[in-house]
C-alpha atoms as a PDB file:
ATOM      1  CA  MET A   1     163.984 167.491 116.488  1.00  0.00           C
ATOM      2  CA  THR A   2     161.665 165.000 118.143  1.00  0.00           C
ATOM      3  CA  VAL A   3     161.786 161.453 116.833  1.00  0.00           C
ATOM      4  CA  ARG A   4     158.485 159.616 117.070  1.00  0.00           C
ATOM      5  CA  ARG A   5     158.535 155.938 117.711  1.00  0.00           C
ATOM      6  CA  ALA A   6     156.560 153.803 115.352  1.00  0.00           C
ATOM      7  CA  THR A   7     153.484 152.496 117.089  1.00  0.00           C
ATOM      8  CA  LYS A   8     152.790 148.789 116.891  1.00  0.00           C
ATOM      9  CA  PRO A   9     149.403 147.718 115.569  1.00  0.00           C
ATOM     10  CA  PRO A  10     147.074 146.523 118.328  1.00  0.00           C
ATOM     11  CA  ARG A  11     147.227 142.838 119.004  1.00  0.00           C
ATOM     12  CA  PRO A  12     143.993 141.174 117.824  1.00  0.00           C
ATOM     13  CA  THR A  13     141.749 140.259 120.685  1.00  0.00           C
ATOM     14  CA  ARG A  14     139.384 137.295 120.909  1.00  0.00           C
ATOM     15  CA  ALA A  15     136.528 139.493 119.690  1.00  0.00           C
ATOM     16  CA  THR A  16     138.393 140.820 116.637  1.00  0.00           C
ATOM     17  CA  ARG A  17     140.348 137.709 115.690  1.00  0.00           C
ATOM     18  CA  PRO A  18     138.790 136.098 112.573  1.00  0.00           C
ATOM     19  CA  ARG A  19     137.192 132.745 113.241  1.00  0.00           C
ATOM     20  CA  PRO A  20     138.491 129.728 111.410  1.00  0.00           C
ATOM     21  CA  ARG A  21     136.297 128.370 108.669  1.00  0.00           C
ATOM     22  CA  TRP A  22     135.479 125.204 110.553  1.00  0.00           C
ATOM     23  CA  ALA A  23     134.059 127.271 113.427  1.00  0.00           C
ATOM     24  CA  VAL A  24     131.842 129.266 111.069  1.00  0.00           C
ATOM     25  CA  ALA A  25     130.618 126.065 109.409  1.00  0.00           C
ATOM     26  CA  ALA A  26     129.939 124.491 112.800  1.00  0.00           C
ATOM     27  CA  ALA A  27     127.916 127.535 113.899  1.00  0.00           C
ATOM     28  CA  ILE A  28     125.837 127.476 110.706  1.00  0.00           C
ATOM     29  CA  ALA A  29     125.251 123.745 111.061  1.00  0.00           C
ATOM     30  CA  GLY A  30     124.149 124.240 114.650  1.00  0.00           C
ATOM     31  CA  LEU A  31     121.651 126.916 113.683  1.00  0.00           C
ATOM     32  CA  ALA A  32     120.308 124.758 110.847  1.00  0.00           C
ATOM     33  CA  THR A  33     119.943 121.769 113.168  1.00  0.00           C
ATOM     34  CA  SER A  34     118.075 123.882 115.708  1.00  0.00           C
ATOM     35  CA  ALA A  35     115.725 125.225 113.014  1.00  0.00           C
ATOM     36  CA  VAL A  36     114.999 121.729 111.667  1.00  0.00           C
ATOM     37  CA  ALA A  37     114.417 120.386 115.172  1.00  0.00           C
ATOM     38  CA  ALA A  38     111.983 123.232 115.949  1.00  0.00           C
ATOM     39  CA  TRP A  39     110.096 122.619 112.686  1.00  0.00           C
ATOM     40  CA  ALA A  40     109.954 118.867 113.321  1.00  0.00           C
ATOM     41  CA  TYR A  41     108.590 119.375 116.834  1.00  0.00           C
ATOM     42  CA  ARG A  42     105.849 121.744 115.631  1.00  0.00           C
ATOM     43  CA  ASP A  43     104.966 119.556 112.662  1.00  0.00           C
ATOM     44  CA  TYR A  44     104.805 116.418 114.802  1.00  0.00           C
ATOM     45  CA  ARG A  45     102.386 118.117 117.199  1.00  0.00           C
ATOM     46  CA  LEU A  46     100.226 119.361 114.300  1.00  0.00           C
ATOM     47  CA  TRP A  47     100.163 115.859 112.819  1.00  0.00           C
ATOM     48  CA  ARG A  48      99.164 114.282 116.139  1.00  0.00           C
ATOM     49  CA  ALA A  49      96.370 116.867 116.487  1.00  0.00           C
ATOM     50  CA  LEU A  50      94.796 115.569 113.253  1.00  0.00           C
ATOM     51  CA  GLY A  51      93.690 112.420 115.069  1.00  0.00           C
ATOM     52  CA  VAL A  52      94.139 108.749 114.365  1.00  0.00           C
ATOM     53  CA  GLY A  53      94.439 107.664 110.749  1.00  0.00           C
ATOM     54  CA  GLY A  54      95.982 104.764 108.899  1.00  0.00           C
ATOM     55  CA  LEU A  55      99.399 105.084 110.597  1.00  0.00           C
ATOM     56  CA  PRO A  56     100.426 104.559 114.241  1.00  0.00           C
ATOM     57  CA  PRO A  57     100.213 107.910 116.093  1.00  0.00           C
ATOM     58  CA  ASN A  58     103.857 107.932 117.164  1.00  0.00           C
ATOM     59  CA  LEU A  59     107.265 109.107 115.955  1.00  0.00           C
ATOM     60  CA  ARG A  60     107.570 106.171 113.589  1.00  0.00           C
ATOM     61  CA  GLY A  61     104.237 107.052 111.963  1.00  0.00           C
ATOM     62  CA  TRP A  62     105.230 110.707 111.647  1.00  0.00           C
ATOM     63  CA  LEU A  63     108.546 109.825 109.989  1.00  0.00           C
ATOM     64  CA  ARG A  64     106.715 107.657 107.482  1.00  0.00           C
ATOM     65  CA  VAL A  65     104.132 110.301 106.622  1.00  0.00           C
ATOM     66  CA  THR A  66     106.896 112.910 106.344  1.00  0.00           C
ATOM     67  CA  SER A  67     108.604 110.779 103.697  1.00  0.00           C
ATOM     68  CA  MET A  68     105.250 110.480 101.894  1.00  0.00           C
ATOM     69  CA  ARG A  69     105.074 114.265 101.587  1.00  0.00           C
ATOM     70  CA  LEU A  70     108.012 114.100  99.192  1.00  0.00           C
ATOM     71  CA  GLN A  71     105.788 112.134  96.789  1.00  0.00           C
ATOM     72  CA  ALA A  72     102.812 114.512  96.943  1.00  0.00           C
ATOM     73  CA  GLY A  73     101.341 115.822  93.703  1.00  0.00           C
ATOM     74  CA  ASP A  74      99.257 118.848  92.752  1.00  0.00           C
ATOM     75  CA  PRO A  75      95.782 118.309  94.278  1.00  0.00           C
ATOM     76  CA  PHE A  76      94.128 120.323  91.489  1.00  0.00           C
ATOM     77  CA  ALA A  77      95.879 118.766  88.498  1.00  0.00           C
ATOM     78  CA  VAL A  78      93.133 116.647  86.986  1.00  0.00           C
ATOM     79  CA  GLN A  79      92.640 115.967  83.299  1.00  0.00           C
ATOM     80  CA  SER A  80      89.489 116.957  81.425  1.00  0.00           C
ATOM     81  CA  GLY A  81      88.163 115.417  78.239  1.00  0.00           C
ATOM     82  CA  HIS A  82      85.986 112.723  79.818  1.00  0.00           C
ATOM     83  CA  PRO A  83      82.180 112.933  80.030  1.00  0.00           C
ATOM     84  CA  ALA A  84      80.730 113.507  83.481  1.00  0.00           C
ATOM     85  CA  HIS A  85      77.900 111.581  85.114  1.00  0.00           C
ATOM     86  CA  PRO A  86      74.532 112.972  83.911  1.00  0.00           C
ATOM     87  CA  GLN A  87      73.542 113.835  87.493  1.00  0.00           C
ATOM     88  CA  LEU A  88      76.588 116.120  87.795  1.00  0.00           C
ATOM     89  CA  GLU A  89      75.955 118.181  84.672  1.00  0.00           C
ATOM     90  CA  ASN A  90      74.109 120.824  86.700  1.00  0.00           C
ATOM     91  CA  LEU A  91      76.479 120.729  89.697  1.00  0.00           C
ATOM     92  CA  PRO A  92      76.770 124.343  90.902  1.00  0.00           C
ATOM     93  CA  GLU A  93      80.015 125.976  91.935  1.00  0.00           C
ATOM     94  CA  ARG A  94      80.738 125.830  95.667  1.00  0.00           C
ATOM     95  CA  SER A  95      80.554 129.308  97.177  1.00  0.00           C
ATOM     96  CA  GLY A  96      83.410 130.980  99.007  1.00  0.00           C
ATOM     97  CA  PRO A  97      87.066 130.000  99.264  1.00  0.00           C
ATOM     98  CA  ARG A  98      88.226 126.420  99.558  1.00  0.00           C
ATOM     99  CA  PRO A  99      88.870 125.191 103.101  1.00  0.00           C
ATOM    100  CA  LYS A 100      92.402 124.771 104.389  1.00  0.00           C
ATOM    101  CA  VAL A 101      93.680 121.194 104.134  1.00  0.00           C
ATOM    102  CA  ALA A 102      96.488 119.782 106.267  1.00  0.00           C
ATOM    103  CA  PRO A 103      99.733 119.078 104.366  1.00  0.00           C
ATOM    104  CA  HIS A 104     100.004 115.568 105.794  1.00  0.00           C
ATOM    105  CA  PRO A 105      98.793 112.851 103.384  1.00  0.00           C
ATOM    106  CA  VAL A 106      97.837 110.505 106.234  1.00  0.00           C
ATOM    107  CA  PRO A 107      95.504 111.276 107.835  1.00  0.00           C
ATOM    108  CA  HIS A 108      94.198 113.624 105.151  1.00  0.00           C
ATOM    109  CA  ARG A 109      92.145 116.201 107.051  1.00  0.00           C
ATOM    110  CA  VAL A 110      90.348 119.512 106.517  1.00  0.00           C
ATOM    111  CA  LEU A 111      91.365 122.140 109.072  1.00  0.00           C
ATOM    112  CA  ASP A 112      88.449 124.585 108.851  1.00  0.00           C
ATOM    113  CA  GLN A 113      84.921 125.014 107.433  1.00  0.00           C
ATOM    114  CA  HIS A 114      83.814 121.829 109.206  1.00  0.00           C
ATOM    115  CA  SER A 115      80.256 120.523 108.994  1.00  0.00           C
ATOM    116  CA  PRO A 116      77.869 121.239 111.887  1.00  0.00           C
ATOM    117  CA  HIS A 117      77.135 118.200 114.061  1.00  0.00           C
ATOM    118  CA  GLU A 118      73.608 117.835 112.723  1.00  0.00           C
ATOM    119  CA  LEU A 119      74.906 117.608 109.132  1.00  0.00           C
ATOM    120  CA  ILE A 120      77.469 114.979 110.124  1.00  0.00           C
ATOM    121  CA  ASP A 121      74.625 112.938 111.610  1.00  0.00           C
ATOM    122  CA  GLN A 122      72.696 113.288 108.347  1.00  0.00           C
ATOM    123  CA  LEU A 123      75.793 112.276 106.394  1.00  0.00           C
ATOM    124  CA  ALA A 124      76.080 109.112 108.483  1.00  0.00           C
ATOM    125  CA  ALA A 125      72.406 108.365 107.837  1.00  0.00           C
ATOM    126  CA  MET A 126      73.008 108.918 104.114  1.00  0.00           C
ATOM    127  CA  PHE A 127      75.751 106.285 104.053  1.00  0.00           C
ATOM    128  CA  ASP A 128      73.532 103.854 105.961  1.00  0.00           C
ATOM    129  CA  GLU A 129      70.796 104.501 103.394  1.00  0.00           C
ATOM    130  CA  PHE A 130      73.122 103.890 100.449  1.00  0.00           C
ATOM    131  CA  ALA A 131      74.380 100.636 101.971  1.00  0.00           C
ATOM    132  CA  ALA A 132      70.839  99.372 102.532  1.00  0.00           C
ATOM    133  CA  MET A 133      69.466 100.603  99.212  1.00  0.00           C
ATOM    134  CA  LYS A 134      72.262  99.152  97.059  1.00  0.00           C
ATOM    135  CA  SER A 135      72.721  95.853  98.908  1.00  0.00           C
ATOM    136  CA  PRO A 136      74.161  93.392  97.912  1.00  0.00           C
ATOM    137  CA  ALA A 137      76.051  95.528  95.368  1.00  0.00           C
ATOM    138  CA  LEU A 138      77.358  97.636  98.274  1.00  0.00           C
ATOM    139  CA  GLU A 139      78.846  96.633 101.613  1.00  0.00           C
ATOM    140  CA  TYR A 140      79.517  98.874 104.616  1.00  0.00           C
ATOM    141  CA  ARG A 141      82.597  97.799 106.573  1.00  0.00           C
ATOM    142  CA  THR A 142      85.889  99.051 108.009  1.00  0.00           C
ATOM    143  CA  SER A 143      88.002 101.074 105.600  1.00  0.00           C
ATOM    144  CA  GLY A 144      91.176  99.445 104.364  1.00  0.00           C
ATOM    145  CA  TRP A 145      92.961 102.803 104.334  1.00  0.00           C
ATOM    146  CA  GLU A 146      91.593 104.595 107.382  1.00  0.00           C
ATOM    147  CA  LYS A 147      91.324 101.395 109.449  1.00  0.00           C
ATOM    148  CA  HIS A 148      89.119 103.139 112.026  1.00  0.00           C
ATOM    149  CA  ASN A 149      86.057 104.367 110.116  1.00  0.00           C
ATOM    150  CA  LYS A 150      83.581 102.442 107.994  1.00  0.00           C
ATOM    151  CA  ALA A 151      83.515 102.765 104.221  1.00  0.00           C
ATOM    152  CA  LEU A 152      81.295 101.785 101.327  1.00  0.00           C
ATOM    153  CA  PHE A 153      82.619  98.892  99.236  1.00  0.00           C
ATOM    154  CA  ALA A 154      81.404  97.660  95.886  1.00  0.00           C
ATOM    155  CA  SER A 155      80.927  93.907  96.205  1.00  0.00           C
ATOM    156  CA  THR A 156      81.924  93.432  92.573  1.00  0.00           C
ATOM    157  CA  PRO A 157      83.615  96.545  91.153  1.00  0.00           C
ATOM    158  CA  ALA A 158      82.595  97.328  87.592  1.00  0.00           C
ATOM    159  CA  THR A 159      85.122  96.158  85.013  1.00  0.00           C
ATOM    160  CA  PRO A 160      85.488  99.589  83.341  1.00  0.00           C
ATOM    161  CA  HIS A 161      86.651 101.062  86.650  1.00  0.00           C
ATOM    162  CA  ASP A 162      90.124  99.539  86.520  1.00  0.00           C
ATOM    163  CA  PRO A 163      91.761 102.039  88.954  1.00  0.00           C
ATOM    164  CA  ALA A 164      89.486 100.727  91.723  1.00  0.00           C
ATOM    165  CA  GLN A 165      90.700  97.148  91.511  1.00  0.00           C
ATOM    166  CA  PRO A 166      93.610  97.596  93.973  1.00  0.00           C
ATOM    167  CA  THR A 167      91.208  99.068  96.554  1.00  0.00           C
ATOM    168  CA  SER A 168      89.240  95.816  96.924  1.00  0.00           C
ATOM    169  CA  GLY A 169      86.167  97.799  95.908  1.00  0.00           C
ATOM    170  CA  GLU A 170      86.404 100.551  98.551  1.00  0.00           C
ATOM    171  CA  LEU A 171      84.733 103.557  96.968  1.00  0.00           C
ATOM    172  CA  GLY A 172      84.057 106.121  99.671  1.00  0.00           C
ATOM    173  CA  ARG A 173      83.872 107.069 103.322  1.00  0.00           C
ATOM    174  CA  PHE A 174      83.257 110.143 105.455  1.00  0.00           C
ATOM    175  CA  GLN A 175      85.221 111.526 108.384  1.00  0.00           C
ATOM    176  CA  PRO A 176      83.013 111.968 111.486  1.00  0.00           C
ATOM    177  CA  SER A 177      85.324 114.570 113.042  1.00  0.00           C
ATOM    178  CA  ASP A 178      84.881 117.203 110.307  1.00  0.00           C
ATOM    179  CA  GLY A 179      82.338 115.934 107.735  1.00  0.00           C
ATOM    180  CA  SER A 180      84.808 115.590 104.865  1.00  0.00           C
ATOM    181  CA  LEU A 181      84.696 112.588 102.535  1.00  0.00           C
ATOM    182  CA  HIS A 182      87.046 110.568 100.356  1.00  0.00           C
ATOM    183  CA  VAL A 183      85.577 109.010  97.216  1.00  0.00           C
ATOM    184  CA  ILE A 184      86.796 107.417  94.000  1.00  0.00           C
ATOM    185  CA  LEU A 185      85.322 109.296  91.056  1.00  0.00           C
ATOM    186  CA  ALA A 186      85.262 108.698  87.331  1.00  0.00           C
ATOM    187  CA  PRO A 187      87.785 110.992  85.568  1.00  0.00           C
ATOM    188  CA  GLY A 188      85.116 113.275  84.115  1.00  0.00           C
ATOM    189  CA  ASP A 189      83.351 113.516  87.471  1.00  0.00           C
ATOM    190  CA  ALA A 190      86.623 114.313  89.276  1.00  0.00           C
ATOM    191  CA  TYR A 191      87.386 117.125  86.839  1.00  0.00           C
ATOM    192  CA  LEU A 192      83.933 118.659  87.288  1.00  0.00           C
ATOM    193  CA  VAL A 193      83.923 118.310  91.087  1.00  0.00           C
ATOM    194  CA  ILE A 194      87.388 119.836  91.502  1.00  0.00           C
ATOM    195  CA  SER A 195      86.772 122.615  88.951  1.00  0.00           C
ATOM    196  CA  ASN A 196      83.614 123.624  90.822  1.00  0.00           C
ATOM    197  CA  GLN A 197      85.569 123.705  94.110  1.00  0.00           C
ATOM    198  CA  TRP A 198      83.802 120.820  95.834  1.00  0.00           C
ATOM    199  CA  GLY A 199      87.028 119.021  96.536  1.00  0.00           C
ATOM    200  CA  GLU A 200      90.591 118.194  95.538  1.00  0.00           C
ATOM    201  CA  LEU A 201      92.702 115.148  94.814  1.00  0.00           C
ATOM    202  CA  HIS A 202      94.424 113.297  97.621  1.00  0.00           C
ATOM    203  CA  PRO A 203      98.119 114.299  97.388  1.00  0.00           C
ATOM    204  CA  LEU A 204      99.116 110.653  96.853  1.00  0.00           C
ATOM    205  CA  ALA A 205      96.357 109.833  94.349  1.00  0.00           C
ATOM    206  CA  GLY A 206      97.889 107.673  91.637  1.00  0.00           C
ATOM    207  CA  ARG A 207     101.276 107.910  93.359  1.00  0.00           C
ATOM    208  CA  SER A 208     101.319 105.707  96.449  1.00  0.00           C
ATOM    209  CA  LEU A 209      99.312 103.513  98.847  1.00  0.00           C
ATOM    210  CA  ASN A 210      97.383 101.980  95.908  1.00  0.00           C
ATOM    211  CA  LEU A 211      95.288 105.158  95.727  1.00  0.00           C
ATOM    212  CA  PRO A 212      93.551 105.514  92.342  1.00  0.00           C
ATOM    213  CA  PRO A 213      94.383 108.651  90.287  1.00  0.00           C
ATOM    214  CA  THR A 214      90.912 110.080  91.006  1.00  0.00           C
ATOM    215  CA  TYR A 215      90.862 109.475  94.759  1.00  0.00           C
ATOM    216  CA  THR A 216      89.190 112.728  95.774  1.00  0.00           C
ATOM    217  CA  LEU A 217      88.672 114.622  99.025  1.00  0.00           C
ATOM    218  CA  LEU A 218      85.205 116.217  99.205  1.00  0.00           C
ATOM    219  CA  TYR A 219      85.005 119.275 101.422  1.00  0.00           C
ATOM    220  CA  PRO A 220      82.586 119.247 104.386  1.00  0.00           C
ATOM    221  CA  ALA A 221      79.028 120.407 103.731  1.00  0.00           C
ATOM    222  CA  ARG A 222      78.218 123.667 105.506  1.00  0.00           C
ATOM    223  CA  ASN A 223      74.456 123.666 104.897  1.00  0.00           C
ATOM    224  CA  GLN A 224      71.626 121.557 103.500  1.00  0.00           C
ATOM    225  CA  ASN A 225      72.173 122.680  99.906  1.00  0.00           C
ATOM    226  CA  GLU A 226      75.809 121.590 100.040  1.00  0.00           C
ATOM    227  CA  LEU A 227      74.816 118.284 101.620  1.00  0.00           C
ATOM    228  CA  ALA A 228      72.466 117.707  98.680  1.00  0.00           C
ATOM    229  CA  ALA A 229      75.365 118.351  96.279  1.00  0.00           C
ATOM    230  CA  ILE A 230      77.539 115.902  98.228  1.00  0.00           C
ATOM    231  CA  ARG A 231      74.801 113.288  97.951  1.00  0.00           C
ATOM    232  CA  THR A 232      74.729 113.737  94.175  1.00  0.00           C
ATOM    233  CA  ILE A 233      78.509 113.346  93.938  1.00  0.00           C
ATOM    234  CA  VAL A 234      78.528 110.199  96.090  1.00  0.00           C
ATOM    235  CA  THR A 235      75.662 108.763  94.014  1.00  0.00           C
ATOM    236  CA  ALA A 236      77.748 109.264  90.870  1.00  0.00           C
ATOM    237  CA  ALA A 237      80.698 107.523  92.559  1.00  0.00           C
ATOM    238  CA  ILE A 238      78.508 104.547  93.509  1.00  0.00           C
ATOM    239  CA  ASP A 239      77.014 104.292  90.048  1.00  0.00           C
ATOM    240  CA  ASN A 240      80.464 104.380  88.493  1.00  0.00           C
ATOM    241  CA  MET A 241      81.934 101.740  90.796  1.00  0.00           C
ATOM    242  CA  THR A 242      79.006  99.334  90.749  1.00  0.00           C
ATOM    243  CA  GLY A 243      78.169  99.806  87.086  1.00  0.00           C
ATOM    244  CA  THR A 244      74.558 100.748  87.893  1.00  0.00           C
END
């Protein structure tokens, strides 16, 4: 009778030996750190590509705008129930999908569907015309928010337009790089403009930076008809702010 010796179980090797919990946690933390670092690097480059805005274009500015993103609200959440400016009653719906807007609140930029150069030139001429036509009720000087582009200011903001008081009368400006605009609208006008897809609220409107609740981004005009609609919207904003 042959007696078989009991075989010993194989000694665990480095590959089969279970890792301690601290090693697993350290590996997960390392992967998470690498993922966050990669996202931060890409996001910082995207933010710098938007151009100069109201913050210094460096790491400190990016960290500040990143913290602002935590305060962002729904850009399409605007209340109805207020009458719109008579000129906007026949405002048509903007055709096609909305343009893509960068997630960074500052600078707040449109990423596609930009205006042709000739329309941007006409937009600049429109602002010059408004400033001359409405003087002295309107002034045309450097924006308090953008700090690099000029904006229209109401010399004496109308009393009913209380949300505009913290802005020192700044009511609107356009962005020469893409043809977009930022304007302060009356509540009823903002609801109509956003519902008809001509724009959206700034993500920090009514939340930070002294931005009024109806601080609205108007999408760039793609043709003459859209530029005419933009002119009507800006006219309503001027009338509301100046009380004319």
